[in-house]
C-alpha atoms as a PDB file:
ATOM      1  CA  UNK A   1     -53.759 -17.983 -13.255  1.00  0.00           C
ATOM      2  CA  UNK A   2     -50.542 -18.938 -12.686  1.00  0.00           C
ATOM      3  CA  UNK A   3     -50.746 -21.766 -14.794  1.00  0.00           C
ATOM      4  CA  UNK A   4     -51.625 -19.698 -17.649  1.00  0.00           C
ATOM      5  CA  UNK A   5     -48.713 -17.383 -17.095  1.00  0.00           C
ATOM      6  CA  UNK A   6     -46.573 -20.318 -17.027  1.00  0.00           C
ATOM      7  CA  UNK A   7     -48.347 -20.805 -20.717  1.00  0.00           C
ATOM      8  CA  UNK A   8     -47.553 -17.878 -21.782  1.00  0.00           C
ATOM      9  CA  UNK A   9     -43.857 -17.414 -20.634  1.00  0.00           C
ATOM     10  CA  UNK A  10     -43.262 -20.631 -22.564  1.00  0.00           C
ATOM     11  CA  UNK A  11     -44.967 -19.501 -25.517  1.00  0.00           C
ATOM     12  CA  UNK A  12     -42.461 -16.444 -25.478  1.00  0.00           C
ATOM     13  CA  UNK A  13     -39.586 -18.618 -25.455  1.00  0.00           C
ATOM     14  CA  UNK A  14     -40.561 -19.927 -29.059  1.00  0.00           C
ATOM     15  CA  UNK A  15     -39.077 -16.622 -30.623  1.00  0.00           C
ATOM     16  CA  UNK A  16     -36.580 -14.113 -29.438  1.00  0.00           C
ATOM     17  CA  UNK A  17     -33.720 -14.920 -26.771  1.00  0.00           C
ATOM     18  CA  UNK A  18     -33.673 -14.728 -23.261  1.00  0.00           C
ATOM     19  CA  UNK A  19     -31.047 -14.953 -20.183  1.00  0.00           C
ATOM     20  CA  UNK A  20     -30.888 -18.475 -18.874  1.00  0.00           C
ATOM     21  CA  UNK A  21     -33.083 -19.807 -16.384  1.00  0.00           C
ATOM     22  CA  UNK A  22     -36.632 -18.034 -17.547  1.00  0.00           C
ATOM     23  CA  UNK A  23     -38.688 -21.330 -17.548  1.00  0.00           C
ATOM     24  CA  UNK A  24     -37.283 -22.700 -14.331  1.00  0.00           C
ATOM     25  CA  UNK A  25     -38.370 -19.185 -12.893  1.00  0.00           C
ATOM     26  CA  UNK A  26     -42.022 -19.341 -14.532  1.00  0.00           C
ATOM     27  CA  UNK A  27     -42.067 -22.608 -12.636  1.00  0.00           C
ATOM     28  CA  UNK A  28     -41.664 -21.150  -9.581  1.00  0.00           C
ATOM     29  CA  UNK A  29     -43.392 -17.735 -10.153  1.00  0.00           C
ATOM     30  CA  UNK A  30     -45.519 -16.485  -6.869  1.00  0.00           C
ATOM     31  CA  UNK A  31     -49.439 -16.039  -6.960  1.00  0.00           C
ATOM     32  CA  UNK A  32     -48.579 -12.227  -6.561  1.00  0.00           C
ATOM     33  CA  UNK A  33     -46.200 -12.326 -10.115  1.00  0.00           C
ATOM     34  CA  UNK A  34     -48.911 -14.119 -11.777  1.00  0.00           C
ATOM     35  CA  UNK A  35     -51.523 -11.516 -10.695  1.00  0.00           C
ATOM     36  CA  UNK A  36     -49.450  -8.813 -11.807  1.00  0.00           C
ATOM     37  CA  UNK A  37     -48.965 -10.389 -15.136  1.00  0.00           C
ATOM     38  CA  UNK A  38     -52.448 -11.439 -15.694  1.00  0.00           C
ATOM     39  CA  UNK A  39     -53.667  -7.776 -15.069  1.00  0.00           C
ATOM     40  CA  UNK A  40     -51.461  -6.719 -17.645  1.00  0.00           C
ATOM     41  CA  UNK A  41     -52.683  -9.283 -20.256  1.00  0.00           C
ATOM     42  CA  UNK A  42     -56.316  -7.940 -19.208  1.00  0.00           C
ATOM     43  CA  UNK A  43     -55.580  -4.335 -20.313  1.00  0.00           C
ATOM     44  CA  UNK A  44     -54.429  -5.291 -23.677  1.00  0.00           C
ATOM     45  CA  UNK A  45     -50.847  -7.033 -23.103  1.00  0.00           C
ATOM     46  CA  UNK A  46     -50.225  -9.853 -26.063  1.00  0.00           C
ATOM     47  CA  UNK A  47     -47.221 -11.826 -26.130  1.00  0.00           C
ATOM     48  CA  UNK A  48     -45.052  -9.566 -27.968  1.00  0.00           C
ATOM     49  CA  UNK A  49     -45.424  -7.160 -25.480  1.00  0.00           C
ATOM     50  CA  UNK A  50     -44.844  -9.586 -22.576  1.00  0.00           C
ATOM     51  CA  UNK A  51     -41.509 -10.058 -24.459  1.00  0.00           C
ATOM     52  CA  UNK A  52     -40.509  -6.615 -23.719  1.00  0.00           C
ATOM     53  CA  UNK A  53     -42.121  -6.848 -20.593  1.00  0.00           C
ATOM     54  CA  UNK A  54     -39.707  -9.712 -19.248  1.00  0.00           C
ATOM     55  CA  UNK A  55     -37.130  -7.698 -20.879  1.00  0.00           C
ATOM     56  CA  UNK A  56     -37.688  -4.430 -18.619  1.00  0.00           C
ATOM     57  CA  UNK A  57     -39.524  -2.059 -20.996  1.00  0.00           C
ATOM     58  CA  UNK A  58     -41.406   0.336 -19.134  1.00  0.00           C
ATOM     59  CA  UNK A  59     -45.482  -0.101 -18.930  1.00  0.00           C
ATOM     60  CA  UNK A  60     -48.349   2.833 -18.891  1.00  0.00           C
ATOM     61  CA  UNK A  61     -51.299   1.702 -18.138  1.00  0.00           C
ATOM     62  CA  UNK A  62     -54.498   4.213 -17.805  1.00  0.00           C
ATOM     63  CA  UNK A  63     -55.878   2.567 -14.658  1.00  0.00           C
ATOM     64  CA  UNK A  64     -55.038   4.305 -11.310  1.00  0.00           C
ATOM     65  CA  UNK A  65     -56.671   1.407  -9.195  1.00  0.00           C
ATOM     66  CA  UNK A  66     -53.509  -0.985  -9.894  1.00  0.00           C
ATOM     67  CA  UNK A  67     -51.361   0.961  -8.110  1.00  0.00           C
ATOM     68  CA  UNK A  68     -53.128   0.215  -4.902  1.00  0.00           C
ATOM     69  CA  UNK A  69     -54.183  -3.803  -6.671  1.00  0.00           C
ATOM     70  CA  UNK A  70     -50.536  -4.268  -6.711  1.00  0.00           C
ATOM     71  CA  UNK A  71     -49.543  -3.369  -2.939  1.00  0.00           C
ATOM     72  CA  UNK A  72     -49.609  -6.748  -1.874  1.00  0.00           C
ATOM     73  CA  UNK A  73     -49.690  -7.025   1.960  1.00  0.00           C
ATOM     74  CA  UNK A  74     -46.252  -8.530   3.978  1.00  0.00           C
ATOM     75  CA  UNK A  75     -44.635  -8.194   0.419  1.00  0.00           C
ATOM     76  CA  UNK A  76     -44.715  -4.943  -1.134  1.00  0.00           C
ATOM     77  CA  UNK A  77     -42.202  -2.212  -0.165  1.00  0.00           C
ATOM     78  CA  UNK A  78     -41.429   1.255  -0.513  1.00  0.00           C
ATOM     79  CA  UNK A  79     -39.082   2.109  -3.063  1.00  0.00           C
ATOM     80  CA  UNK A  80     -37.166   5.165  -4.289  1.00  0.00           C
ATOM     81  CA  UNK A  81     -36.756   5.758  -7.975  1.00  0.00           C
ATOM     82  CA  UNK A  82     -35.940   8.469 -10.769  1.00  0.00           C
ATOM     83  CA  UNK A  83     -39.371   7.647 -13.019  1.00  0.00           C
ATOM     84  CA  UNK A  84     -42.325  10.259 -12.869  1.00  0.00           C
ATOM     85  CA  UNK A  85     -40.817  12.790 -10.591  1.00  0.00           C
ATOM     86  CA  UNK A  86     -43.713  14.906 -11.422  1.00  0.00           C
ATOM     87  CA  UNK A  87     -45.980  12.921  -9.011  1.00  0.00           C
ATOM     88  CA  UNK A  88     -46.152  13.770  -5.316  1.00  0.00           C
ATOM     89  CA  UNK A  89     -43.803  11.003  -3.976  1.00  0.00           C
ATOM     90  CA  UNK A  90     -45.078  11.407  -0.587  1.00  0.00           C
ATOM     91  CA  UNK A  91     -48.751  10.817  -1.435  1.00  0.00           C
ATOM     92  CA  UNK A  92     -47.838   7.872  -4.061  1.00  0.00           C
ATOM     93  CA  UNK A  93     -44.523   6.335  -3.220  1.00  0.00           C
ATOM     94  CA  UNK A  94     -43.159   4.074  -5.547  1.00  0.00           C
ATOM     95  CA  UNK A  95     -43.467   0.426  -4.351  1.00  0.00           C
ATOM     96  CA  UNK A  96     -40.999  -2.719  -5.159  1.00  0.00           C
ATOM     97  CA  UNK A  97     -41.509  -6.806  -4.836  1.00  0.00           C
ATOM     98  CA  UNK A  98     -39.211  -9.526  -4.923  1.00  0.00           C
ATOM     99  CA  UNK A  99     -39.980 -12.694  -7.198  1.00  0.00           C
ATOM    100  CA  UNK A 100     -38.350 -15.277  -9.139  1.00  0.00           C
ATOM    101  CA  UNK A 101     -39.649 -14.364 -12.379  1.00  0.00           C
ATOM    102  CA  UNK A 102     -39.898 -10.810 -11.961  1.00  0.00           C
ATOM    103  CA  UNK A 103     -36.636 -10.241 -10.085  1.00  0.00           C
ATOM    104  CA  UNK A 104     -37.928  -6.876  -8.946  1.00  0.00           C
ATOM    105  CA  UNK A 105     -41.124  -5.588  -9.936  1.00  0.00           C
ATOM    106  CA  UNK A 106     -41.330  -1.577  -9.526  1.00  0.00           C
ATOM    107  CA  UNK A 107     -44.360   0.239  -9.948  1.00  0.00           C
ATOM    108  CA  UNK A 108     -46.008   3.957  -9.328  1.00  0.00           C
ATOM    109  CA  UNK A 109     -48.505   6.132 -10.011  1.00  0.00           C
ATOM    110  CA  UNK A 110     -48.966   8.419 -13.173  1.00  0.00           C
ATOM    111  CA  UNK A 111     -51.303  11.748 -13.677  1.00  0.00           C
ATOM    112  CA  UNK A 112     -53.857   9.238 -15.121  1.00  0.00           C
ATOM    113  CA  UNK A 113     -52.941   5.785 -14.320  1.00  0.00           C
ATOM    114  CA  UNK A 114     -50.001   3.672 -13.237  1.00  0.00           C
ATOM    115  CA  UNK A 115     -46.443   2.909 -14.646  1.00  0.00           C
ATOM    116  CA  UNK A 116     -44.319  -0.344 -13.807  1.00  0.00           C
ATOM    117  CA  UNK A 117     -41.546  -1.614 -15.081  1.00  0.00           C
ATOM    118  CA  UNK A 118     -39.019  -5.271 -13.903  1.00  0.00           C
ATOM    119  CA  UNK A 119     -35.458  -4.515 -13.152  1.00  0.00           C
ATOM    120  CA  UNK A 120     -32.558  -7.086 -13.273  1.00  0.00           C
ATOM    121  CA  UNK A 121     -31.179  -7.014  -9.587  1.00  0.00           C
ATOM    122  CA  UNK A 122     -33.413  -5.514  -6.973  1.00  0.00           C
ATOM    123  CA  UNK A 123     -32.147  -2.441  -4.542  1.00  0.00           C
ATOM    124  CA  UNK A 124     -32.466  -1.797  -1.380  1.00  0.00           C
ATOM    125  CA  UNK A 125     -33.079   2.241  -1.595  1.00  0.00           C
ATOM    126  CA  UNK A 126     -36.015   2.936   0.372  1.00  0.00           C
ATOM    127  CA  UNK A 127     -37.121   4.809   3.403  1.00  0.00           C
ATOM    128  CA  UNK A 128     -34.422   5.235   6.473  1.00  0.00           C
ATOM    129  CA  UNK A 129     -30.807   4.481   6.355  1.00  0.00           C
ATOM    130  CA  UNK A 130     -29.496   1.269   5.227  1.00  0.00           C
ATOM    131  CA  UNK A 131     -26.021   0.300   4.510  1.00  0.00           C
ATOM    132  CA  UNK A 132     -25.416  -0.431   0.811  1.00  0.00           C
ATOM    133  CA  UNK A 133     -25.308  -3.858  -0.375  1.00  0.00           C
ATOM    134  CA  UNK A 134     -23.965  -5.819  -3.450  1.00  0.00           C
ATOM    135  CA  UNK A 135     -26.993  -5.711  -5.229  1.00  0.00           C
ATOM    136  CA  UNK A 136     -26.868  -1.953  -4.685  1.00  0.00           C
ATOM    137  CA  UNK A 137     -23.552  -2.058  -6.347  1.00  0.00           C
ATOM    138  CA  UNK A 138     -24.886  -4.394  -9.067  1.00  0.00           C
ATOM    139  CA  UNK A 139     -28.033  -1.946  -9.634  1.00  0.00           C
ATOM    140  CA  UNK A 140     -25.633   0.808 -10.319  1.00  0.00           C
ATOM    141  CA  UNK A 141     -24.077  -1.200 -12.961  1.00  0.00           C
ATOM    142  CA  UNK A 142     -27.197  -1.724 -14.572  1.00  0.00           C
ATOM    143  CA  UNK A 143     -27.766   1.821 -14.531  1.00  0.00           C
ATOM    144  CA  UNK A 144     -24.607   2.378 -16.395  1.00  0.00           C
ATOM    145  CA  UNK A 145     -25.064  -0.023 -19.111  1.00  0.00           C
ATOM    146  CA  UNK A 146     -28.682   1.630 -19.414  1.00  0.00           C
ATOM    147  CA  UNK A 147     -26.635   5.068 -20.150  1.00  0.00           C
ATOM    148  CA  UNK A 148     -24.446   3.228 -22.498  1.00  0.00           C
ATOM    149  CA  UNK A 149     -27.156   1.370 -24.241  1.00  0.00           C
ATOM    150  CA  UNK A 150     -30.007   3.589 -23.888  1.00  0.00           C
ATOM    151  CA  UNK A 151     -32.260   0.540 -22.928  1.00  0.00           C
ATOM    152  CA  UNK A 152     -33.310  -0.424 -19.938  1.00  0.00           C
ATOM    153  CA  UNK A 153     -31.760  -3.659 -18.101  1.00  0.00           C
ATOM    154  CA  UNK A 154     -34.462  -5.802 -17.424  1.00  0.00           C
ATOM    155  CA  UNK A 155     -34.464  -9.702 -15.756  1.00  0.00           C
ATOM    156  CA  UNK A 156     -34.587 -11.609 -18.977  1.00  0.00           C
ATOM    157  CA  UNK A 157     -32.915  -9.018 -21.426  1.00  0.00           C
ATOM    158  CA  UNK A 158     -32.565  -5.454 -22.557  1.00  0.00           C
ATOM    159  CA  UNK A 159     -35.347  -3.214 -24.058  1.00  0.00           C
ATOM    160  CA  UNK A 160     -35.552  -0.137 -25.846  1.00  0.00           C
ATOM    161  CA  UNK A 161     -38.962   0.257 -24.546  1.00  0.00           C
ATOM    162  CA  UNK A 162     -37.678   2.962 -21.936  1.00  0.00           C
ATOM    163  CA  UNK A 163     -39.506   5.953 -20.167  1.00  0.00           C
ATOM    164  CA  UNK A 164     -39.174   8.137 -23.248  1.00  0.00           C
ATOM    165  CA  UNK A 165     -40.537   5.473 -25.365  1.00  0.00           C
ATOM    166  CA  UNK A 166     -42.809   3.765 -23.322  1.00  0.00           C
ATOM    167  CA  UNK A 167     -45.867   0.598 -23.855  1.00  0.00           C
ATOM    168  CA  UNK A 168     -48.965   1.799 -23.366  1.00  0.00           C
ATOM    169  CA  UNK A 169     -51.594  -0.362 -22.475  1.00  0.00           C
ATOM    170  CA  UNK A 170     -55.483   0.488 -22.425  1.00  0.00           C
ATOM    171  CA  UNK A 171     -54.817   4.256 -23.297  1.00  0.00           C
ATOM    172  CA  UNK A 172     -57.599   6.671 -22.326  1.00  0.00           C
ATOM    173  CA  UNK A 173     -57.881   8.343 -25.951  1.00  0.00           C
ATOM    174  CA  UNK A 174     -59.725  11.893 -25.626  1.00  0.00           C
ATOM    175  CA  UNK A 175     -61.608  11.112 -29.433  1.00  0.00           C
ATOM    176  CA  UNK A 176     -62.140   8.468 -31.163  1.00  0.00           C
ATOM    177  CA  UNK A 177     -62.601   7.570 -34.874  1.00  0.00           C
ATOM    178  CA  UNK A 178     -65.689   6.129 -36.043  1.00  0.00           C
ATOM    179  CA  UNK A 179     -66.535   4.352 -39.084  1.00  0.00           C
ATOM    180  CA  UNK A 180     -67.812   6.045 -42.240  1.00  0.00           C
ATOM    181  CA  UNK A 181     -71.583   5.431 -41.870  1.00  0.00           C
ATOM    182  CA  UNK A 182     -71.712   3.415 -45.485  1.00  0.00           C
ATOM    183  CA  UNK A 183     -68.664   0.841 -44.185  1.00  0.00           C
ATOM    184  CA  UNK A 184     -70.535   0.238 -40.570  1.00  0.00           C
ATOM    185  CA  UNK A 185     -73.528  -0.673 -42.098  1.00  0.00           C
ATOM    186  CA  UNK A 186     -71.981  -3.136 -44.721  1.00  0.00           C
ATOM    187  CA  UNK A 187     -69.818  -4.686 -41.951  1.00  0.00           C
ATOM    188  CA  UNK A 188     -72.678  -4.600 -39.754  1.00  0.00           C
ATOM    189  CA  UNK A 189     -75.246  -6.339 -42.411  1.00  0.00           C
ATOM    190  CA  UNK A 190     -72.505  -8.737 -43.529  1.00  0.00           C
ATOM    191  CA  UNK A 191     -71.674  -9.721 -39.773  1.00  0.00           C
ATOM    192  CA  UNK A 192     -75.454 -10.170 -38.958  1.00  0.00           C
ATOM    193  CA  UNK A 193     -75.690 -12.308 -41.767  1.00  0.00           C
ATOM    194  CA  UNK A 194     -72.984 -14.617 -40.886  1.00  0.00           C
ATOM    195  CA  UNK A 195     -74.633 -14.809 -37.325  1.00  0.00           C
ATOM    196  CA  UNK A 196     -77.492 -15.900 -38.963  1.00  0.00           C
ATOM    197  CA  UNK A 197     -76.444 -18.637 -40.841  1.00  0.00           C
ATOM    198  CA  UNK A 198     -74.741 -19.872 -37.939  1.00  0.00           C
ATOM    199  CA  UNK A 199     -77.688 -20.092 -36.062  1.00  0.00           C
ATOM    200  CA  UNK A 200     -79.463 -21.851 -38.917  1.00  0.00           C
ATOM    201  CA  UNK A 201     -76.992 -24.520 -39.009  1.00  0.00           C
ATOM    202  CA  UNK A 202     -76.940 -24.986 -35.432  1.00  0.00           C
ATOM    203  CA  UNK A 203     -81.149 -25.269 -35.707  1.00  0.00           C
ATOM    204  CA  UNK A 204     -81.182 -27.771 -38.887  1.00  0.00           C
ATOM    205  CA  UNK A 205     -78.269 -29.831 -38.064  1.00  0.00           C
ATOM    206  CA  UNK A 206     -77.050 -29.767 -41.515  1.00  0.00           C
ATOM    207  CA  UNK A 207     -72.904 -28.877 -41.201  1.00  0.00           C
ATOM    208  CA  UNK A 208     -70.160 -31.442 -42.075  1.00  0.00           C
ATOM    209  CA  UNK A 209     -68.860 -30.938 -38.566  1.00  0.00           C
ATOM    210  CA  UNK A 210     -70.088 -31.317 -35.226  1.00  0.00           C
ATOM    211  CA  UNK A 211     -68.329 -28.516 -33.478  1.00  0.00           C
ATOM    212  CA  UNK A 212     -71.107 -25.925 -34.287  1.00  0.00           C
ATOM    213  CA  UNK A 213     -73.207 -28.223 -32.254  1.00  0.00           C
ATOM    214  CA  UNK A 214     -70.962 -28.128 -29.589  1.00  0.00           C
ATOM    215  CA  UNK A 215     -69.931 -24.493 -29.770  1.00  0.00           C
ATOM    216  CA  UNK A 216     -73.538 -22.159 -30.696  1.00  0.00           C
ATOM    217  CA  UNK A 217     -72.896 -19.210 -32.994  1.00  0.00           C
ATOM    218  CA  UNK A 218     -73.027 -15.427 -31.200  1.00  0.00           C
ATOM    219  CA  UNK A 219     -76.226 -13.801 -30.482  1.00  0.00           C
ATOM    220  CA  UNK A 220     -74.664 -10.002 -30.329  1.00  0.00           C
ATOM    221  CA  UNK A 221     -77.125  -7.062 -30.822  1.00  0.00           C
ATOM    222  CA  UNK A 222     -73.978  -5.340 -32.536  1.00  0.00           C
ATOM    223  CA  UNK A 223     -71.820  -7.274 -34.623  1.00  0.00           C
ATOM    224  CA  UNK A 224     -69.113  -4.688 -34.587  1.00  0.00           C
ATOM    225  CA  UNK A 225     -68.874  -4.331 -30.735  1.00  0.00           C
ATOM    226  CA  UNK A 226     -66.280  -7.420 -31.315  1.00  0.00           C
ATOM    227  CA  UNK A 227     -63.933  -5.875 -33.963  1.00  0.00           C
ATOM    228  CA  UNK A 228     -63.713  -2.677 -31.474  1.00  0.00           C
ATOM    229  CA  UNK A 229     -61.087  -2.084 -28.800  1.00  0.00           C
ATOM    230  CA  UNK A 230     -62.907  -1.357 -25.176  1.00  0.00           C
ATOM    231  CA  UNK A 231     -62.399  -2.204 -21.698  1.00  0.00           C
ATOM    232  CA  UNK A 232     -61.756  -5.577 -20.785  1.00  0.00           C
ATOM    233  CA  UNK A 233     -62.086  -6.879 -24.700  1.00  0.00           C
ATOM    234  CA  UNK A 234     -57.836  -5.897 -25.373  1.00  0.00           C
ATOM    235  CA  UNK A 235     -57.622  -4.250 -28.793  1.00  0.00           C
ATOM    236  CA  UNK A 236     -60.062  -6.551 -30.440  1.00  0.00           C
ATOM    237  CA  UNK A 237     -57.894  -8.893 -31.898  1.00  0.00           C
ATOM    238  CA  UNK A 238     -57.052 -11.225 -29.003  1.00  0.00           C
ATOM    239  CA  UNK A 239     -54.236 -12.308 -27.011  1.00  0.00           C
ATOM    240  CA  UNK A 240     -52.248 -13.486 -29.791  1.00  0.00           C
ATOM    241  CA  UNK A 241     -52.863 -10.678 -32.143  1.00  0.00           C
ATOM    242  CA  UNK A 242     -49.186 -10.050 -33.832  1.00  0.00           C
ATOM    243  CA  UNK A 243     -47.448 -12.642 -31.790  1.00  0.00           C
ATOM    244  CA  UNK A 244     -44.659 -14.720 -33.782  1.00  0.00           C
ATOM    245  CA  UNK A 245     -46.069 -18.188 -32.107  1.00  0.00           C
ATOM    246  CA  UNK A 246     -46.688 -21.070 -33.964  1.00  0.00           C
ATOM    247  CA  UNK A 247     -47.617 -24.970 -33.510  1.00  0.00           C
ATOM    248  CA  UNK A 248     -44.742 -27.416 -34.111  1.00  0.00           C
ATOM    249  CA  UNK A 249     -45.559 -31.405 -35.027  1.00  0.00           C
ATOM    250  CA  UNK A 250     -43.236 -34.178 -35.040  1.00  0.00           C
ATOM    251  CA  UNK A 251     -43.404 -36.370 -38.216  1.00  0.00           C
ATOM    252  CA  UNK A 252     -44.935 -39.654 -37.462  1.00  0.00           C
ATOM    253  CA  UNK A 253     -41.968 -41.594 -39.191  1.00  0.00           C
ATOM    254  CA  UNK A 254     -42.667 -45.007 -37.675  1.00  0.00           C
ATOM    255  CA  UNK A 255     -46.260 -44.751 -38.664  1.00  0.00           C
ATOM    256  CA  UNK A 256     -45.290 -43.465 -42.150  1.00  0.00           C
ATOM    257  CA  UNK A 257     -42.724 -46.183 -42.437  1.00  0.00           C
ATOM    258  CA  UNK A 258     -45.329 -48.660 -41.576  1.00  0.00           C
ATOM    259  CA  UNK A 259     -47.983 -47.533 -43.712  1.00  0.00           C
ATOM    260  CA  UNK A 260     -46.047 -47.409 -46.812  1.00  0.00           C
ATOM    261  CA  UNK A 261     -44.427 -50.761 -46.412  1.00  0.00           C
ATOM    262  CA  UNK A 262     -44.958 -53.240 -48.820  1.00  0.00           C
ATOM    263  CA  UNK A 263     -43.743 -56.396 -47.261  1.00  0.00           C
ATOM    264  CA  UNK A 264     -47.052 -58.777 -47.379  1.00  0.00           C
ATOM    265  CA  UNK A 265     -45.559 -61.194 -44.868  1.00  0.00           C
ATOM    266  CA  UNK A 266     -45.413 -58.802 -41.715  1.00  0.00           C
ATOM    267  CA  UNK A 267     -49.446 -57.213 -42.505  1.00  0.00           C
ATOM    268  CA  UNK A 268     -52.288 -58.285 -40.772  1.00  0.00           C
ATOM    269  CA  UNK A 269     -54.525 -60.933 -41.735  1.00  0.00           C
ATOM    270  CA  UNK A 270     -58.190 -62.851 -41.288  1.00  0.00           C
ATOM    271  CA  UNK A 271     -57.325 -66.168 -39.590  1.00  0.00           C
ATOM    272  CA  UNK A 272     -58.461 -69.211 -41.601  1.00  0.00           C
ATOM    273  CA  UNK A 273     -62.238 -69.629 -40.382  1.00  0.00           C
ATOM    274  CA  UNK A 274     -62.656 -73.431 -39.506  1.00  0.00           C
ATOM    275  CA  UNK A 275     -66.478 -74.826 -38.513  1.00  0.00           C
ATOM    276  CA  UNK A 276     -68.297 -71.583 -39.171  1.00  0.00           C
ATOM    277  CA  UNK A 277     -72.184 -70.957 -39.674  1.00  0.00           C
ATOM    278  CA  UNK A 278     -73.391 -67.914 -41.866  1.00  0.00           C
ATOM    279  CA  UNK A 279     -75.631 -65.527 -40.339  1.00  0.00           C
ATOM    280  CA  UNK A 280     -78.051 -62.846 -41.574  1.00  0.00           C
ATOM    281  CA  UNK A 281     -78.633 -59.320 -39.813  1.00  0.00           C
ATOM    282  CA  UNK A 282     -81.378 -57.079 -39.991  1.00  0.00           C
ATOM    283  CA  UNK A 283     -79.765 -53.325 -39.944  1.00  0.00           C
ATOM    284  CA  UNK A 284     -82.700 -51.016 -40.593  1.00  0.00           C
ATOM    285  CA  UNK A 285     -83.465 -51.300 -44.043  1.00  0.00           C
ATOM    286  CA  UNK A 286     -80.444 -53.227 -44.967  1.00  0.00           C
ATOM    287  CA  UNK A 287     -79.326 -56.893 -44.259  1.00  0.00           C
ATOM    288  CA  UNK A 288     -75.977 -58.057 -43.587  1.00  0.00           C
ATOM    289  CA  UNK A 289     -74.300 -61.490 -44.253  1.00  0.00           C
ATOM    290  CA  UNK A 290     -71.597 -62.424 -41.939  1.00  0.00           C
ATOM    291  CA  UNK A 291     -70.038 -65.857 -40.443  1.00  0.00           C
ATOM    292  CA  UNK A 292     -69.945 -66.681 -36.540  1.00  0.00           C
ATOM    293  CA  UNK A 293     -67.277 -69.312 -35.517  1.00  0.00           C
ATOM    294  CA  UNK A 294     -68.567 -71.825 -33.320  1.00  0.00           C
ATOM    295  CA  UNK A 295     -66.785 -72.457 -30.066  1.00  0.00           C
ATOM    296  CA  UNK A 296     -65.659 -76.342 -29.500  1.00  0.00           C
ATOM    297  CA  UNK A 297     -68.589 -77.246 -27.042  1.00  0.00           C
ATOM    298  CA  UNK A 298     -71.151 -75.856 -29.309  1.00  0.00           C
ATOM    299  CA  UNK A 299     -69.524 -77.903 -32.303  1.00  0.00           C
ATOM    300  CA  UNK A 300     -69.826 -80.820 -29.966  1.00  0.00           C
ATOM    301  CA  UNK A 301     -73.446 -80.554 -28.924  1.00  0.00           C
ATOM    302  CA  UNK A 302     -74.448 -80.019 -32.677  1.00  0.00           C
END
């Protein structure tokens, strides 16, 4: 899980600007941090949304079980915050957690689920009386920046995804809009035909690639399920739905130069064959004629 989260963070660095030290912090992330980000991915977070989360975006997830799931022993502590004041803070106090990647992860309950936000500077606000620390002063500075810019101050940037305009993951919609009957019927028949063709290719073996033999085609009772969002399936388009992530390849300049070089003297050629004996080999219905070079001992015996 930690390796997967590290790779996702590295992918986000392909597009966007972050504060320094993000990749180094990702290499040092704790299992608890990885669990939080992995849960967000499970609930539909893609690479673009991960960027907003690292910037300090306010996230709402319609899953109340995450509130207790993210309460890690000996790590999570109770915090005071101004988020979601309508929730009973005595029954559901806000919880904070330190980490090299999340810096300060703060989460709590909502009426229908759980909210989460990353902060740049940890604060000591919590139960009991404590003397203010330098981190508390820096936290107030971040609050002033938020009031001026109207953006959250996250550990690796600024985000306009605030509590007023939050990021929703796995929202529990009261109603769903089904596809028209004709469209659903056409899609179902088309996807079923494609699945049948995949199975036919896997059975007969007539294909230009061996990938279909290694990765068998799907067997789905309802092909439309793959296109529809749902719990555990994300939003139907996968992790990289709208992500601005690409693959770069370095040009093989040396190999290209060698292949296009016309200098005959440097090319490899067959050595001159001396004391060779012709040999014929039957390969199925074909006869291959070749020459074998005799070693010195065999030449003396012959």
